[in-house]
Amino acid sequence: MAQPTQAPRLAPLRPPYDGAIQKRLDAIMPDGVPPLTLFTTLARNPRVFERMMSGGLLDKGTLTLRQRELMIDRTTARCGAEYEWGVHMTFFGDRVAITKEQSASIVRGTPQDTCWDTENDRLILRMADSLHDTSTIDDTLWTELATEFSDEQIIELVVLAGYYHTISFCCRAFNLDMEEFGARFDAA
């Protein structure tokens, strides 16, 4: 499910940026990479921008980088947020060893696809699907998750899914143009 090809509904903020916004952009963007369109669009409302950036979960938490990215990638793919999925696959896909087959499965497959060789990966994908489809986790899945993850990790995974639903809503509602470097659903 690709994002619409309509024009963006909001123009991103253009430089020069206010000092506080520039400082935040400098802190979150890798050297030499211009600020993401999502960030500069959110920056049109400095209060919302600051709150969203303060609420991010891309720091070192209770999850491995792979666990975090699987939840983000599956959530954004299920929401049809190609923009955000593409940014995360580009910046983190290789770092967390997501294979081409797994990338395609994240977008179009199921947690039962043969490319998923660990129960840990499959459980994260099932959890993302359950939260997306039903806004909850049934008792059977919860019991399975509790055998593989700590309470702290389950909390973080649920909050990640919710946060990236919000990010997905922004990307899709604003009709953000894809980043030039971003991975595409149809290439997965």
N, C-alpha and C. Protein backbone atom coordinates (compact mmCIF):
# COMPACT_ATOMS: atom_id res chain seq x y z
N MET A 1 0.86 -1.17 0.00
CA MET A 1 0.00 0.00 0.00
C MET A 1 0.90 1.24 0.00
N ALA A 2 1.08 1.84 -1.12
CA ALA A 2 1.93 3.03 -1.24
C ALA A 2 1.19 4.27 -0.78
N GLN A 3 1.96 5.27 -0.43
CA GLN A 3 1.37 6.54 -0.05
C GLN A 3 0.79 7.21 -1.28
N PRO A 4 -0.18 8.10 -1.08
CA PRO A 4 -0.78 8.79 -2.22
C PRO A 4 0.27 9.61 -2.97
N THR A 5 0.03 9.82 -4.25
CA THR A 5 0.95 10.62 -5.05
C THR A 5 0.51 12.08 -5.09
N GLN A 6 -0.44 12.46 -4.25
CA GLN A 6 -0.90 13.84 -4.19
C GLN A 6 0.21 14.73 -3.65
N ALA A 7 0.07 16.01 -3.91
CA ALA A 7 1.03 16.98 -3.39
C ALA A 7 0.94 17.03 -1.87
N PRO A 8 2.05 17.35 -1.20
CA PRO A 8 2.00 17.51 0.25
C PRO A 8 0.97 18.57 0.63
N ARG A 9 0.31 18.35 1.74
CA ARG A 9 -0.72 19.27 2.20
C ARG A 9 -0.14 20.45 2.97
N LEU A 10 1.06 20.29 3.50
CA LEU A 10 1.73 21.34 4.26
C LEU A 10 3.15 21.49 3.73
N ALA A 11 3.58 22.71 3.56
CA ALA A 11 4.97 22.95 3.16
C ALA A 11 5.86 22.84 4.40
N PRO A 12 6.98 22.13 4.29
CA PRO A 12 7.88 22.08 5.44
C PRO A 12 8.46 23.45 5.74
N LEU A 13 8.85 23.64 6.97
CA LEU A 13 9.54 24.85 7.38
C LEU A 13 10.88 24.91 6.64
N ARG A 14 11.26 26.06 6.18
CA ARG A 14 12.52 26.22 5.44
C ARG A 14 13.54 26.96 6.29
N PRO A 15 14.83 26.69 6.08
CA PRO A 15 15.85 27.42 6.83
C PRO A 15 15.87 28.89 6.42
N PRO A 16 16.36 29.74 7.25
CA PRO A 16 16.99 29.42 8.54
C PRO A 16 15.93 29.11 9.59
N TYR A 17 16.25 28.13 10.44
CA TYR A 17 15.34 27.71 11.48
C TYR A 17 15.58 28.51 12.75
N ASP A 18 14.53 28.63 13.55
CA ASP A 18 14.65 29.21 14.88
C ASP A 18 15.74 28.46 15.63
N GLY A 19 16.43 29.14 16.54
CA GLY A 19 17.55 28.54 17.27
C GLY A 19 17.23 27.23 17.96
N ALA A 20 16.09 27.15 18.65
CA ALA A 20 15.72 25.93 19.37
C ALA A 20 15.43 24.80 18.39
N ILE A 21 14.79 25.12 17.28
CA ILE A 21 14.48 24.10 16.27
C ILE A 21 15.78 23.62 15.62
N GLN A 22 16.67 24.55 15.27
CA GLN A 22 17.94 24.16 14.66
C GLN A 22 18.75 23.28 15.61
N LYS A 23 18.76 23.63 16.88
CA LYS A 23 19.50 22.83 17.86
C LYS A 23 18.94 21.41 17.93
N ARG A 24 17.63 21.27 17.93
CA ARG A 24 17.00 19.95 18.00
C ARG A 24 17.29 19.16 16.72
N LEU A 25 17.19 19.82 15.55
CA LEU A 25 17.49 19.14 14.29
C LEU A 25 18.95 18.68 14.25
N ASP A 26 19.85 19.52 14.71
CA ASP A 26 21.27 19.15 14.74
C ASP A 26 21.51 17.93 15.63
N ALA A 27 20.75 17.84 16.72
CA ALA A 27 20.94 16.75 17.67
C ALA A 27 20.40 15.42 17.14
N ILE A 28 19.40 15.45 16.26
CA ILE A 28 18.79 14.19 15.84
C ILE A 28 19.21 13.71 14.45
N MET A 29 19.80 14.60 13.66
CA MET A 29 20.18 14.21 12.30
C MET A 29 21.66 13.85 12.23
N PRO A 30 22.00 12.77 11.50
CA PRO A 30 23.41 12.45 11.31
C PRO A 30 24.12 13.58 10.55
N ASP A 31 25.41 13.73 10.79
CA ASP A 31 26.19 14.75 10.08
C ASP A 31 26.03 14.60 8.57
N GLY A 32 25.80 15.72 7.91
CA GLY A 32 25.71 15.75 6.46
C GLY A 32 24.35 15.35 5.90
N VAL A 33 23.40 14.95 6.76
CA VAL A 33 22.07 14.57 6.28
C VAL A 33 21.12 15.71 6.60
N PRO A 34 20.46 16.25 5.57
CA PRO A 34 19.52 17.35 5.85
C PRO A 34 18.36 16.86 6.70
N PRO A 35 17.70 17.77 7.40
CA PRO A 35 16.57 17.37 8.24
C PRO A 35 15.48 16.68 7.43
N LEU A 36 14.88 15.68 8.02
CA LEU A 36 13.79 14.97 7.37
C LEU A 36 12.59 15.88 7.17
N THR A 37 11.89 15.67 6.09
CA THR A 37 10.68 16.43 5.79
C THR A 37 9.66 16.31 6.92
N LEU A 38 9.55 15.12 7.50
CA LEU A 38 8.64 14.96 8.64
C LEU A 38 8.98 15.95 9.74
N PHE A 39 10.25 16.06 10.07
CA PHE A 39 10.66 16.95 11.16
C PHE A 39 10.41 18.41 10.82
N THR A 40 10.76 18.82 9.60
CA THR A 40 10.59 20.23 9.24
C THR A 40 9.11 20.58 9.04
N THR A 41 8.28 19.59 8.75
CA THR A 41 6.84 19.84 8.68
C THR A 41 6.27 19.99 10.09
N LEU A 42 6.64 19.08 10.98
CA LEU A 42 6.20 19.21 12.37
C LEU A 42 6.70 20.51 12.99
N ALA A 43 7.87 20.98 12.58
CA ALA A 43 8.46 22.20 13.14
C ALA A 43 7.65 23.45 12.84
N ARG A 44 6.70 23.35 11.93
CA ARG A 44 5.80 24.49 11.68
C ARG A 44 4.98 24.81 12.93
N ASN A 45 4.83 23.84 13.80
CA ASN A 45 4.21 24.05 15.10
C ASN A 45 5.28 23.71 16.15
N PRO A 46 6.06 24.70 16.60
CA PRO A 46 7.20 24.42 17.49
C PRO A 46 6.84 23.63 18.74
N ARG A 47 5.69 23.89 19.33
CA ARG A 47 5.28 23.15 20.53
C ARG A 47 5.12 21.67 20.21
N VAL A 48 4.38 21.34 19.14
CA VAL A 48 4.18 19.94 18.77
C VAL A 48 5.51 19.30 18.39
N PHE A 49 6.32 20.01 17.62
CA PHE A 49 7.63 19.50 17.22
C PHE A 49 8.45 19.12 18.46
N GLU A 50 8.54 20.01 19.41
CA GLU A 50 9.34 19.75 20.61
C GLU A 50 8.79 18.56 21.40
N ARG A 51 7.48 18.49 21.53
CA ARG A 51 6.88 17.38 22.27
C ARG A 51 7.10 16.04 21.55
N MET A 52 6.95 16.05 20.23
CA MET A 52 7.16 14.82 19.46
C MET A 52 8.62 14.38 19.53
N MET A 53 9.53 15.32 19.42
CA MET A 53 10.95 14.96 19.48
C MET A 53 11.33 14.51 20.89
N SER A 54 10.72 15.08 21.89
CA SER A 54 11.00 14.68 23.27
C SER A 54 10.40 13.32 23.59
N GLY A 55 9.36 12.94 22.87
CA GLY A 55 8.68 11.68 23.13
C GLY A 55 9.21 10.50 22.35
N GLY A 56 10.25 10.70 21.56
CA GLY A 56 10.78 9.63 20.73
C GLY A 56 11.41 8.53 21.55
N LEU A 57 11.51 7.36 20.95
CA LEU A 57 12.08 6.20 21.64
C LEU A 57 13.25 5.61 20.86
N LEU A 58 14.03 6.47 20.21
CA LEU A 58 15.16 5.96 19.44
C LEU A 58 16.45 5.92 20.25
N ASP A 59 16.34 6.17 21.55
CA ASP A 59 17.51 6.07 22.42
C ASP A 59 17.67 4.62 22.88
N LYS A 60 18.70 4.37 23.67
CA LYS A 60 18.94 3.02 24.19
C LYS A 60 17.89 2.73 25.24
N GLY A 61 17.06 1.76 24.97
CA GLY A 61 16.01 1.36 25.91
C GLY A 61 16.24 -0.08 26.36
N THR A 62 15.14 -0.77 26.62
CA THR A 62 15.22 -2.15 27.09
C THR A 62 15.29 -3.15 25.95
N LEU A 63 15.07 -2.69 24.74
CA LEU A 63 15.04 -3.56 23.56
C LEU A 63 16.36 -3.51 22.82
N THR A 64 16.63 -4.55 22.05
CA THR A 64 17.76 -4.47 21.12
C THR A 64 17.34 -3.56 19.97
N LEU A 65 18.32 -3.09 19.23
CA LEU A 65 18.03 -2.25 18.06
C LEU A 65 17.15 -3.02 17.07
N ARG A 66 17.42 -4.29 16.89
CA ARG A 66 16.61 -5.10 15.95
C ARG A 66 15.17 -5.20 16.44
N GLN A 67 14.96 -5.48 17.71
CA GLN A 67 13.61 -5.59 18.24
C GLN A 67 12.85 -4.28 18.04
N ARG A 68 13.50 -3.18 18.35
CA ARG A 68 12.86 -1.87 18.19
C ARG A 68 12.48 -1.64 16.72
N GLU A 69 13.42 -1.90 15.83
CA GLU A 69 13.17 -1.64 14.41
C GLU A 69 12.11 -2.56 13.82
N LEU A 70 12.06 -3.81 14.26
CA LEU A 70 11.01 -4.69 13.75
C LEU A 70 9.63 -4.15 14.12
N MET A 71 9.47 -3.66 15.35
CA MET A 71 8.18 -3.10 15.75
C MET A 71 7.86 -1.86 14.93
N ILE A 72 8.84 -0.98 14.77
CA ILE A 72 8.62 0.25 14.00
C ILE A 72 8.32 -0.07 12.54
N ASP A 73 9.10 -0.94 11.95
CA ASP A 73 8.93 -1.26 10.52
C ASP A 73 7.59 -1.93 10.25
N ARG A 74 7.21 -2.88 11.09
CA ARG A 74 5.93 -3.56 10.87
C ARG A 74 4.76 -2.59 11.10
N THR A 75 4.86 -1.79 12.14
CA THR A 75 3.79 -0.84 12.44
C THR A 75 3.61 0.16 11.30
N THR A 76 4.70 0.75 10.84
CA THR A 76 4.58 1.75 9.77
C THR A 76 4.15 1.10 8.45
N ALA A 77 4.59 -0.12 8.19
CA ALA A 77 4.15 -0.81 6.99
C ALA A 77 2.65 -1.11 7.06
N ARG A 78 2.19 -1.62 8.19
CA ARG A 78 0.76 -1.92 8.34
C ARG A 78 -0.10 -0.66 8.22
N CYS A 79 0.45 0.48 8.64
CA CYS A 79 -0.27 1.75 8.52
C CYS A 79 -0.18 2.35 7.12
N GLY A 80 0.62 1.73 6.24
CA GLY A 80 0.79 2.26 4.89
C GLY A 80 1.65 3.50 4.85
N ALA A 81 2.48 3.71 5.86
CA ALA A 81 3.34 4.90 5.95
C ALA A 81 4.69 4.60 5.30
N GLU A 82 4.67 4.57 3.96
CA GLU A 82 5.87 4.25 3.20
C GLU A 82 7.00 5.22 3.53
N TYR A 83 6.68 6.50 3.73
CA TYR A 83 7.70 7.50 4.07
C TYR A 83 8.50 7.04 5.29
N GLU A 84 7.82 6.78 6.40
CA GLU A 84 8.52 6.45 7.65
C GLU A 84 9.17 5.08 7.57
N TRP A 85 8.50 4.11 6.99
CA TRP A 85 9.09 2.79 6.79
C TRP A 85 10.38 2.91 5.99
N GLY A 86 10.32 3.72 4.91
CA GLY A 86 11.49 3.87 4.04
C GLY A 86 12.66 4.52 4.74
N VAL A 87 12.41 5.51 5.58
CA VAL A 87 13.49 6.16 6.34
C VAL A 87 14.12 5.14 7.28
N HIS A 88 13.29 4.40 8.01
CA HIS A 88 13.84 3.43 8.97
C HIS A 88 14.57 2.29 8.28
N MET A 89 14.03 1.80 7.18
CA MET A 89 14.73 0.72 6.46
C MET A 89 16.08 1.22 5.93
N THR A 90 16.13 2.46 5.47
CA THR A 90 17.38 3.00 4.94
C THR A 90 18.41 3.19 6.03
N PHE A 91 18.01 3.79 7.14
CA PHE A 91 18.96 4.08 8.22
C PHE A 91 19.30 2.87 9.07
N PHE A 92 18.37 1.94 9.24
CA PHE A 92 18.58 0.86 10.21
C PHE A 92 18.50 -0.55 9.64
N GLY A 93 17.90 -0.75 8.47
CA GLY A 93 17.69 -2.09 7.94
C GLY A 93 18.94 -2.95 7.91
N ASP A 94 20.02 -2.42 7.32
CA ASP A 94 21.27 -3.18 7.27
C ASP A 94 21.89 -3.35 8.65
N ARG A 95 21.79 -2.31 9.46
CA ARG A 95 22.38 -2.36 10.81
C ARG A 95 21.76 -3.46 11.66
N VAL A 96 20.50 -3.78 11.42
CA VAL A 96 19.83 -4.81 12.23
C VAL A 96 19.65 -6.10 11.44
N ALA A 97 20.32 -6.20 10.29
CA ALA A 97 20.36 -7.42 9.48
C ALA A 97 18.98 -7.88 9.01
N ILE A 98 18.15 -6.92 8.57
CA ILE A 98 16.89 -7.29 7.94
C ILE A 98 17.20 -7.66 6.50
N THR A 99 16.90 -8.90 6.14
CA THR A 99 17.18 -9.40 4.79
C THR A 99 16.14 -8.86 3.81
N LYS A 100 16.42 -9.02 2.53
CA LYS A 100 15.46 -8.61 1.49
C LYS A 100 14.13 -9.37 1.66
N GLU A 101 14.22 -10.67 1.97
CA GLU A 101 13.01 -11.46 2.18
C GLU A 101 12.22 -10.96 3.39
N GLN A 102 12.93 -10.62 4.46
CA GLN A 102 12.27 -10.11 5.66
C GLN A 102 11.65 -8.74 5.40
N SER A 103 12.34 -7.90 4.64
CA SER A 103 11.81 -6.59 4.29
C SER A 103 10.48 -6.74 3.54
N ALA A 104 10.46 -7.66 2.58
CA ALA A 104 9.22 -7.90 1.82
C ALA A 104 8.13 -8.46 2.73
N SER A 105 8.50 -9.33 3.65
CA SER A 105 7.52 -9.90 4.57
C SER A 105 6.97 -8.85 5.52
N ILE A 106 7.79 -7.92 5.95
CA ILE A 106 7.32 -6.84 6.83
C ILE A 106 6.22 -6.06 6.12
N VAL A 107 6.38 -5.83 4.81
CA VAL A 107 5.41 -5.03 4.06
C VAL A 107 4.20 -5.86 3.65
N ARG A 108 4.41 -7.08 3.15
CA ARG A 108 3.31 -7.84 2.54
C ARG A 108 3.08 -9.22 3.13
N GLY A 109 3.90 -9.64 4.05
CA GLY A 109 3.81 -11.02 4.52
C GLY A 109 3.18 -11.17 5.89
N THR A 110 3.51 -12.32 6.50
CA THR A 110 2.98 -12.63 7.82
C THR A 110 4.13 -13.07 8.73
N PRO A 111 3.90 -13.06 10.03
CA PRO A 111 4.93 -13.54 10.95
C PRO A 111 5.26 -15.03 10.76
N GLN A 112 4.41 -15.76 10.04
CA GLN A 112 4.67 -17.19 9.80
C GLN A 112 5.54 -17.42 8.56
N ASP A 113 5.89 -16.38 7.83
CA ASP A 113 6.74 -16.55 6.65
C ASP A 113 8.05 -17.23 7.06
N THR A 114 8.59 -18.05 6.17
CA THR A 114 9.79 -18.84 6.49
C THR A 114 11.04 -18.00 6.70
N CYS A 115 11.02 -16.75 6.28
CA CYS A 115 12.21 -15.90 6.47
C CYS A 115 12.44 -15.53 7.93
N TRP A 116 11.43 -15.71 8.77
CA TRP A 116 11.56 -15.39 10.20
C TRP A 116 12.02 -16.64 10.93
N ASP A 117 13.28 -16.63 11.37
CA ASP A 117 13.85 -17.83 11.95
C ASP A 117 13.94 -17.81 13.47
N THR A 118 13.47 -16.73 14.11
CA THR A 118 13.47 -16.72 15.57
C THR A 118 12.06 -16.43 16.09
N GLU A 119 11.74 -17.05 17.20
CA GLU A 119 10.45 -16.81 17.85
C GLU A 119 10.35 -15.36 18.29
N ASN A 120 11.46 -14.78 18.69
CA ASN A 120 11.50 -13.38 19.12
C ASN A 120 10.99 -12.47 18.01
N ASP A 121 11.52 -12.62 16.80
CA ASP A 121 11.07 -11.81 15.66
C ASP A 121 9.59 -12.03 15.38
N ARG A 122 9.18 -13.30 15.33
CA ARG A 122 7.79 -13.62 15.02
C ARG A 122 6.83 -13.01 16.06
N LEU A 123 7.21 -13.06 17.33
CA LEU A 123 6.35 -12.51 18.38
C LEU A 123 6.20 -10.99 18.25
N ILE A 124 7.28 -10.31 17.92
CA ILE A 124 7.19 -8.85 17.73
C ILE A 124 6.24 -8.53 16.57
N LEU A 125 6.37 -9.25 15.48
CA LEU A 125 5.48 -9.01 14.34
C LEU A 125 4.03 -9.34 14.68
N ARG A 126 3.82 -10.43 15.39
CA ARG A 126 2.45 -10.78 15.81
C ARG A 126 1.88 -9.71 16.73
N MET A 127 2.71 -9.21 17.62
CA MET A 127 2.27 -8.16 18.54
C MET A 127 1.90 -6.90 17.77
N ALA A 128 2.73 -6.51 16.82
CA ALA A 128 2.44 -5.33 15.99
C ALA A 128 1.12 -5.52 15.25
N ASP A 129 0.92 -6.71 14.69
CA ASP A 129 -0.32 -6.99 13.96
C ASP A 129 -1.53 -6.95 14.88
N SER A 130 -1.40 -7.54 16.05
CA SER A 130 -2.51 -7.56 17.00
C SER A 130 -2.88 -6.14 17.44
N LEU A 131 -1.88 -5.34 17.78
CA LEU A 131 -2.15 -3.97 18.20
C LEU A 131 -2.77 -3.17 17.05
N HIS A 132 -2.29 -3.39 15.84
CA HIS A 132 -2.83 -2.67 14.69
C HIS A 132 -4.28 -3.10 14.41
N ASP A 133 -4.53 -4.40 14.44
CA ASP A 133 -5.84 -4.93 14.06
C ASP A 133 -6.90 -4.79 15.14
N THR A 134 -6.50 -4.93 16.41
CA THR A 134 -7.49 -5.00 17.49
C THR A 134 -7.27 -3.98 18.60
N SER A 135 -6.17 -3.26 18.57
CA SER A 135 -5.80 -2.30 19.61
C SER A 135 -5.58 -2.96 20.97
N THR A 136 -5.30 -4.26 20.96
CA THR A 136 -5.02 -4.97 22.21
C THR A 136 -4.18 -6.22 21.91
N ILE A 137 -3.90 -6.95 22.96
CA ILE A 137 -3.16 -8.22 22.86
C ILE A 137 -3.98 -9.26 23.60
N ASP A 138 -4.35 -10.35 22.92
CA ASP A 138 -5.16 -11.36 23.60
C ASP A 138 -4.31 -12.12 24.62
N ASP A 139 -4.98 -12.87 25.49
CA ASP A 139 -4.29 -13.56 26.58
C ASP A 139 -3.27 -14.57 26.09
N THR A 140 -3.57 -15.26 25.01
CA THR A 140 -2.63 -16.27 24.49
C THR A 140 -1.34 -15.61 24.02
N LEU A 141 -1.46 -14.56 23.22
CA LEU A 141 -0.27 -13.86 22.75
C LEU A 141 0.47 -13.23 23.93
N TRP A 142 -0.26 -12.66 24.87
CA TRP A 142 0.40 -12.05 26.04
C TRP A 142 1.26 -13.08 26.78
N THR A 143 0.72 -14.27 26.97
CA THR A 143 1.47 -15.33 27.66
C THR A 143 2.73 -15.68 26.89
N GLU A 144 2.62 -15.78 25.57
CA GLU A 144 3.79 -16.08 24.75
C GLU A 144 4.82 -14.95 24.84
N LEU A 145 4.36 -13.71 24.77
CA LEU A 145 5.27 -12.57 24.89
C LEU A 145 5.98 -12.57 26.23
N ALA A 146 5.26 -12.89 27.29
CA ALA A 146 5.83 -12.86 28.65
C ALA A 146 6.91 -13.92 28.84
N THR A 147 6.92 -14.96 28.01
CA THR A 147 7.99 -15.97 28.12
C THR A 147 9.26 -15.50 27.41
N GLU A 148 9.13 -14.53 26.53
CA GLU A 148 10.27 -14.08 25.71
C GLU A 148 10.77 -12.69 26.10
N PHE A 149 9.90 -11.87 26.66
CA PHE A 149 10.22 -10.47 26.95
C PHE A 149 9.91 -10.13 28.40
N SER A 150 10.67 -9.19 28.96
CA SER A 150 10.40 -8.70 30.31
C SER A 150 9.19 -7.75 30.27
N ASP A 151 8.63 -7.47 31.43
CA ASP A 151 7.52 -6.51 31.50
C ASP A 151 7.94 -5.17 30.89
N GLU A 152 9.16 -4.73 31.21
CA GLU A 152 9.65 -3.45 30.69
C GLU A 152 9.72 -3.45 29.17
N GLN A 153 10.16 -4.57 28.60
CA GLN A 153 10.23 -4.67 27.14
C GLN A 153 8.85 -4.67 26.50
N ILE A 154 7.90 -5.35 27.11
CA ILE A 154 6.53 -5.36 26.57
C ILE A 154 5.96 -3.96 26.59
N ILE A 155 6.16 -3.24 27.69
CA ILE A 155 5.69 -1.85 27.78
C ILE A 155 6.30 -1.03 26.65
N GLU A 156 7.61 -1.16 26.46
CA GLU A 156 8.29 -0.38 25.41
C GLU A 156 7.76 -0.73 24.03
N LEU A 157 7.53 -2.00 23.77
CA LEU A 157 7.01 -2.42 22.46
C LEU A 157 5.61 -1.85 22.21
N VAL A 158 4.74 -1.87 23.22
CA VAL A 158 3.40 -1.32 23.06
C VAL A 158 3.47 0.18 22.79
N VAL A 159 4.30 0.89 23.55
CA VAL A 159 4.42 2.34 23.37
C VAL A 159 5.03 2.66 22.00
N LEU A 160 6.01 1.88 21.56
CA LEU A 160 6.56 2.07 20.21
C LEU A 160 5.48 1.94 19.15
N ALA A 161 4.65 0.91 19.26
CA ALA A 161 3.58 0.72 18.28
C ALA A 161 2.65 1.93 18.27
N GLY A 162 2.28 2.41 19.43
CA GLY A 162 1.40 3.57 19.50
C GLY A 162 2.05 4.82 18.96
N TYR A 163 3.31 5.05 19.32
CA TYR A 163 4.03 6.24 18.85
C TYR A 163 4.14 6.22 17.32
N TYR A 164 4.45 5.05 16.76
CA TYR A 164 4.62 4.99 15.31
C TYR A 164 3.30 4.91 14.56
N HIS A 165 2.20 4.63 15.23
CA HIS A 165 0.89 4.88 14.62
C HIS A 165 0.72 6.39 14.47
N THR A 166 1.07 7.14 15.50
CA THR A 166 0.96 8.60 15.43
C THR A 166 1.85 9.15 14.32
N ILE A 167 3.08 8.70 14.25
CA ILE A 167 4.00 9.15 13.19
C ILE A 167 3.42 8.78 11.82
N SER A 168 2.87 7.58 11.70
CA SER A 168 2.26 7.15 10.44
C SER A 168 1.09 8.04 10.05
N PHE A 169 0.27 8.39 11.04
CA PHE A 169 -0.85 9.29 10.76
C PHE A 169 -0.33 10.61 10.21
N CYS A 170 0.72 11.15 10.81
CA CYS A 170 1.30 12.42 10.33
C CYS A 170 1.79 12.28 8.89
N CYS A 171 2.57 11.25 8.62
CA CYS A 171 3.12 11.05 7.28
C CYS A 171 2.02 10.96 6.24
N ARG A 172 1.00 10.19 6.54
CA ARG A 172 -0.07 9.97 5.56
C ARG A 172 -1.00 11.17 5.46
N ALA A 173 -1.38 11.75 6.59
CA ALA A 173 -2.30 12.89 6.55
C ALA A 173 -1.67 14.11 5.90
N PHE A 174 -0.37 14.31 6.09
CA PHE A 174 0.33 15.45 5.50
C PHE A 174 0.72 15.19 4.05
N ASN A 175 0.56 13.93 3.57
CA ASN A 175 1.00 13.53 2.22
C ASN A 175 2.47 13.88 1.99
N LEU A 176 3.31 13.51 2.93
CA LEU A 176 4.73 13.86 2.82
C LEU A 176 5.35 13.24 1.57
N ASP A 177 6.15 14.04 0.88
CA ASP A 177 6.96 13.51 -0.22
C ASP A 177 7.98 12.54 0.36
N MET A 178 8.25 11.47 -0.36
CA MET A 178 9.28 10.51 0.06
C MET A 178 10.63 11.20 0.10
N GLU A 179 11.45 10.81 1.06
CA GLU A 179 12.84 11.26 1.05
C GLU A 179 13.53 10.58 -0.14
N GLU A 180 14.41 11.31 -0.81
CA GLU A 180 15.07 10.75 -2.00
C GLU A 180 15.78 9.44 -1.71
N PHE A 181 16.33 9.32 -0.52
CA PHE A 181 17.11 8.13 -0.16
C PHE A 181 16.25 7.01 0.43
N GLY A 182 14.97 7.28 0.70
CA GLY A 182 14.12 6.33 1.41
C GLY A 182 13.80 5.09 0.60
N ALA A 183 13.82 3.94 1.29
CA ALA A 183 13.42 2.68 0.66
C ALA A 183 11.94 2.77 0.27
N ARG A 184 11.56 1.99 -0.71
CA ARG A 184 10.19 2.00 -1.22
C ARG A 184 9.55 0.63 -1.00
N PHE A 185 8.24 0.66 -0.74
CA PHE A 185 7.51 -0.60 -0.57
C PHE A 185 7.67 -1.52 -1.78
N ASP A 186 7.56 -0.94 -2.98
CA ASP A 186 7.59 -1.79 -4.17
C ASP A 186 8.96 -2.40 -4.43
N ALA A 187 9.99 -1.93 -3.76
CA ALA A 187 11.33 -2.51 -3.90
C ALA A 187 11.57 -3.58 -2.84
N ALA A 188 10.65 -3.70 -1.91
CA ALA A 188 10.84 -4.67 -0.81
C ALA A 188 10.46 -6.06 -1.28
